[in-house]
Amino acid sequence: MQFQLKIIKARKRDGAGSNGDDRYGEIVTERHTKEQTRTKKPPLYKCVLLNDDYTPMEFVVEILKQVFHKPHAEATRIMLHVHQNGMGIAGIYPYEIAETKVRTVEELARESQYPLKCVLEKE
């Protein structure tokens, strides 16, 4: 918060100025307050895909392309990382968006009868 004072009126003291004294006796000020609003960035969450032995690699690539809007080459790279390391980050988002994407992945996997899991992790 910043403060700004502005002199709006000054009156000479009685008798001031007659002997060369130019001091003012009473100063009236106005106080203006400027509010500085700082928006805090929301906490971010990682959408993490977990590897399993049953979900086809092509299905994972399609999930990454459709749900996380990854280009084909990046989706393939992420899928291979998940396959080789057991898990991989599909994307990082604010909580509500990440939660929606996790639910969407699990619904699509369930509809296709695959056990693919996607979980949230705070960044």
C-alpha atoms as a PDB file:
ATOM      1  CA  MET A   1       0.000   0.000   0.000  1.00  0.00           C
ATOM      2  CA  GLN A   2       1.369   3.437  -0.866  1.00  0.00           C
ATOM      3  CA  PHE A   3       0.483   6.684   0.835  1.00  0.00           C
ATOM      4  CA  GLN A   4       0.559  10.083  -0.761  1.00  0.00           C
ATOM      5  CA  LEU A   5       0.154  13.313   1.198  1.00  0.00           C
ATOM      6  CA  LYS A   6      -0.869  16.495  -0.506  1.00  0.00           C
ATOM      7  CA  ILE A   7      -0.912  19.929   1.091  1.00  0.00           C
ATOM      8  CA  ILE A   8      -4.241  21.461   0.243  1.00  0.00           C
ATOM      9  CA  LYS A   9      -4.216  24.568   2.398  1.00  0.00           C
ATOM     10  CA  ALA A  10      -1.719  26.438   4.551  1.00  0.00           C
ATOM     11  CA  ARG A  11      -2.532  29.442   6.706  1.00  0.00           C
ATOM     12  CA  LYS A  12      -0.043  31.948   8.077  1.00  0.00           C
ATOM     13  CA  ARG A  13       0.120  32.168  11.824  1.00  0.00           C
ATOM     14  CA  ASP A  14      -1.196  35.354  13.331  1.00  0.00           C
ATOM     15  CA  GLY A  15       1.598  37.864  13.270  1.00  0.00           C
ATOM     16  CA  ALA A  16       3.793  35.748  11.022  1.00  0.00           C
ATOM     17  CA  GLY A  17       5.388  37.593   8.168  1.00  0.00           C
ATOM     18  CA  SER A  18       5.404  41.032   9.830  1.00  0.00           C
ATOM     19  CA  ASN A  19       8.959  40.542  11.048  1.00  0.00           C
ATOM     20  CA  GLY A  20      10.189  38.578   8.043  1.00  0.00           C
ATOM     21  CA  ASP A  21       8.963  35.268   9.502  1.00  0.00           C
ATOM     22  CA  ASP A  22       7.334  33.305   6.674  1.00  0.00           C
ATOM     23  CA  ARG A  23       6.483  30.190   8.677  1.00  0.00           C
ATOM     24  CA  TYR A  24       3.013  28.783   8.472  1.00  0.00           C
ATOM     25  CA  GLY A  25       1.097  27.990  11.585  1.00  0.00           C
ATOM     26  CA  GLU A  26      -1.423  25.446  10.408  1.00  0.00           C
ATOM     27  CA  ILE A  27      -1.082  23.016   7.540  1.00  0.00           C
ATOM     28  CA  VAL A  28      -4.058  21.025   6.366  1.00  0.00           C
ATOM     29  CA  THR A  29      -3.245  17.868   4.468  1.00  0.00           C
ATOM     30  CA  GLU A  30      -5.225  15.375   2.492  1.00  0.00           C
ATOM     31  CA  ARG A  31      -4.264  11.719   2.602  1.00  0.00           C
ATOM     32  CA  HIS A  32      -4.683   9.606  -0.522  1.00  0.00           C
ATOM     33  CA  THR A  33      -4.239   5.876  -0.327  1.00  0.00           C
ATOM     34  CA  LYS A  34      -3.343   3.849  -3.372  1.00  0.00           C
ATOM     35  CA  GLU A  35      -4.177   0.183  -3.142  1.00  0.00           C
ATOM     36  CA  GLN A  36      -1.805  -2.064  -5.000  1.00  0.00           C
ATOM     37  CA  THR A  37      -3.472  -5.340  -5.751  1.00  0.00           C
ATOM     38  CA  ARG A  38      -1.178  -8.254  -6.278  1.00  0.00           C
ATOM     39  CA  THR A  39      -2.789 -11.387  -7.538  1.00  0.00           C
ATOM     40  CA  LYS A  40      -1.164 -14.518  -6.282  1.00  0.00           C
ATOM     41  CA  LYS A  41      -0.486 -17.221  -8.827  1.00  0.00           C
ATOM     42  CA  PRO A  42      -2.527 -20.346  -8.121  1.00  0.00           C
ATOM     43  CA  PRO A  43      -0.619 -23.439  -7.022  1.00  0.00           C
ATOM     44  CA  LEU A  44       0.125 -25.816  -9.867  1.00  0.00           C
ATOM     45  CA  TYR A  45      -0.443 -29.557 -10.032  1.00  0.00           C
ATOM     46  CA  LYS A  46       1.158 -32.216 -12.194  1.00  0.00           C
ATOM     47  CA  CYS A  47      -1.022 -34.699 -14.054  1.00  0.00           C
ATOM     48  CA  VAL A  48       0.998 -37.896 -13.822  1.00  0.00           C
ATOM     49  CA  LEU A  49       0.258 -40.933 -15.983  1.00  0.00           C
ATOM     50  CA  LEU A  50       1.031 -44.301 -14.381  1.00  0.00           C
ATOM     51  CA  ASN A  51       2.251 -47.228 -16.436  1.00  0.00           C
ATOM     52  CA  ASP A  52       0.397 -50.539 -16.518  1.00  0.00           C
ATOM     53  CA  ASP A  53       0.876 -53.755 -18.473  1.00  0.00           C
ATOM     54  CA  TYR A  54      -2.458 -53.651 -20.318  1.00  0.00           C
ATOM     55  CA  THR A  55      -3.117 -50.198 -21.791  1.00  0.00           C
ATOM     56  CA  PRO A  56      -1.831 -50.034 -25.393  1.00  0.00           C
ATOM     57  CA  MET A  57       0.820 -47.436 -26.139  1.00  0.00           C
ATOM     58  CA  GLU A  58      -1.294 -46.053 -28.983  1.00  0.00           C
ATOM     59  CA  PHE A  59      -4.161 -45.375 -26.566  1.00  0.00           C
ATOM     60  CA  VAL A  60      -1.832 -43.429 -24.254  1.00  0.00           C
ATOM     61  CA  VAL A  61      -0.580 -41.367 -27.211  1.00  0.00           C
ATOM     62  CA  GLU A  62      -4.182 -40.559 -28.191  1.00  0.00           C
ATOM     63  CA  ILE A  63      -5.002 -39.542 -24.603  1.00  0.00           C
ATOM     64  CA  LEU A  64      -2.007 -37.201 -24.576  1.00  0.00           C
ATOM     65  CA  LYS A  65      -3.044 -35.689 -27.893  1.00  0.00           C
ATOM     66  CA  GLN A  66      -6.767 -35.310 -27.138  1.00  0.00           C
ATOM     67  CA  VAL A  67      -6.842 -34.466 -23.432  1.00  0.00           C
ATOM     68  CA  PHE A  68      -3.503 -32.689 -22.999  1.00  0.00           C
ATOM     69  CA  HIS A  69      -3.293 -31.237 -26.552  1.00  0.00           C
ATOM     70  CA  LYS A  70       0.224 -32.559 -27.152  1.00  0.00           C
ATOM     71  CA  PRO A  71       1.618 -32.818 -30.685  1.00  0.00           C
ATOM     72  CA  HIS A  72       2.136 -36.402 -31.882  1.00  0.00           C
ATOM     73  CA  ALA A  73       5.931 -36.392 -31.403  1.00  0.00           C
ATOM     74  CA  GLU A  74       5.704 -35.049 -27.842  1.00  0.00           C
ATOM     75  CA  ALA A  75       2.864 -37.442 -26.970  1.00  0.00           C
ATOM     76  CA  THR A  76       4.992 -40.357 -28.195  1.00  0.00           C
ATOM     77  CA  ARG A  77       7.991 -39.148 -26.166  1.00  0.00           C
ATOM     78  CA  ILE A  78       5.888 -38.841 -22.981  1.00  0.00           C
ATOM     79  CA  MET A  79       4.292 -42.260 -23.571  1.00  0.00           C
ATOM     80  CA  LEU A  80       7.742 -43.890 -23.917  1.00  0.00           C
ATOM     81  CA  HIS A  81       8.907 -42.149 -20.749  1.00  0.00           C
ATOM     82  CA  VAL A  82       5.860 -43.498 -18.878  1.00  0.00           C
ATOM     83  CA  HIS A  83       6.482 -46.982 -20.306  1.00  0.00           C
ATOM     84  CA  GLN A  84      10.175 -47.017 -19.365  1.00  0.00           C
ATOM     85  CA  ASN A  85      10.011 -45.233 -15.996  1.00  0.00           C
ATOM     86  CA  GLY A  86       6.626 -46.288 -14.650  1.00  0.00           C
ATOM     87  CA  MET A  87       5.222 -42.760 -14.644  1.00  0.00           C
ATOM     88  CA  GLY A  88       5.448 -39.482 -16.506  1.00  0.00           C
ATOM     89  CA  ILE A  89       4.121 -35.943 -16.406  1.00  0.00           C
ATOM     90  CA  ALA A  90       1.397 -35.289 -18.959  1.00  0.00           C
ATOM     91  CA  GLY A  91       1.003 -31.619 -18.013  1.00  0.00           C
ATOM     92  CA  ILE A  92       1.102 -29.021 -15.236  1.00  0.00           C
ATOM     93  CA  TYR A  93      -2.007 -26.950 -14.517  1.00  0.00           C
ATOM     94  CA  PRO A  94      -3.923 -25.061 -11.808  1.00  0.00           C
ATOM     95  CA  TYR A  95      -5.871 -27.440  -9.563  1.00  0.00           C
ATOM     96  CA  GLU A  96      -9.313 -27.262 -11.207  1.00  0.00           C
ATOM     97  CA  ILE A  97      -7.947 -27.817 -14.702  1.00  0.00           C
ATOM     98  CA  ALA A  98      -5.644 -30.634 -13.575  1.00  0.00           C
ATOM     99  CA  GLU A  99      -8.483 -32.333 -11.701  1.00  0.00           C
ATOM    100  CA  THR A 100     -10.718 -32.177 -14.782  1.00  0.00           C
ATOM    101  CA  LYS A 101      -8.007 -33.659 -17.003  1.00  0.00           C
ATOM    102  CA  VAL A 102      -7.358 -36.520 -14.544  1.00  0.00           C
ATOM    103  CA  ARG A 103     -11.079 -37.346 -14.452  1.00  0.00           C
ATOM    104  CA  THR A 104     -11.304 -37.185 -18.246  1.00  0.00           C
ATOM    105  CA  VAL A 105      -8.346 -39.568 -18.671  1.00  0.00           C
ATOM    106  CA  GLU A 106      -9.811 -42.072 -16.238  1.00  0.00           C
ATOM    107  CA  GLU A 107     -13.283 -41.884 -17.823  1.00  0.00           C
ATOM    108  CA  LEU A 108     -11.879 -42.449 -21.323  1.00  0.00           C
ATOM    109  CA  ALA A 109      -9.750 -45.346 -20.068  1.00  0.00           C
ATOM    110  CA  ARG A 110     -12.707 -46.920 -18.264  1.00  0.00           C
ATOM    111  CA  GLU A 111     -14.944 -46.552 -21.352  1.00  0.00           C
ATOM    112  CA  SER A 112     -12.273 -48.333 -23.398  1.00  0.00           C
ATOM    113  CA  GLN A 113     -11.820 -50.931 -20.636  1.00  0.00           C
ATOM    114  CA  TYR A 114      -8.182 -50.054 -19.907  1.00  0.00           C
ATOM    115  CA  PRO A 115      -6.701 -49.694 -16.407  1.00  0.00           C
ATOM    116  CA  LEU A 116      -4.771 -46.496 -17.234  1.00  0.00           C
ATOM    117  CA  LYS A 117      -4.439 -44.249 -14.178  1.00  0.00           C
ATOM    118  CA  CYS A 118      -3.688 -40.557 -13.960  1.00  0.00           C
ATOM    119  CA  VAL A 119      -3.006 -38.872 -10.612  1.00  0.00           C
ATOM    120  CA  LEU A 120      -2.425 -35.346  -9.316  1.00  0.00           C
ATOM    121  CA  GLU A 121       0.766 -34.274  -7.581  1.00  0.00           C
ATOM    122  CA  LYS A 122       1.352 -30.808  -6.191  1.00  0.00           C
ATOM    123  CA  GLU A 123       4.286 -29.147  -7.918  1.00  0.00           C
END
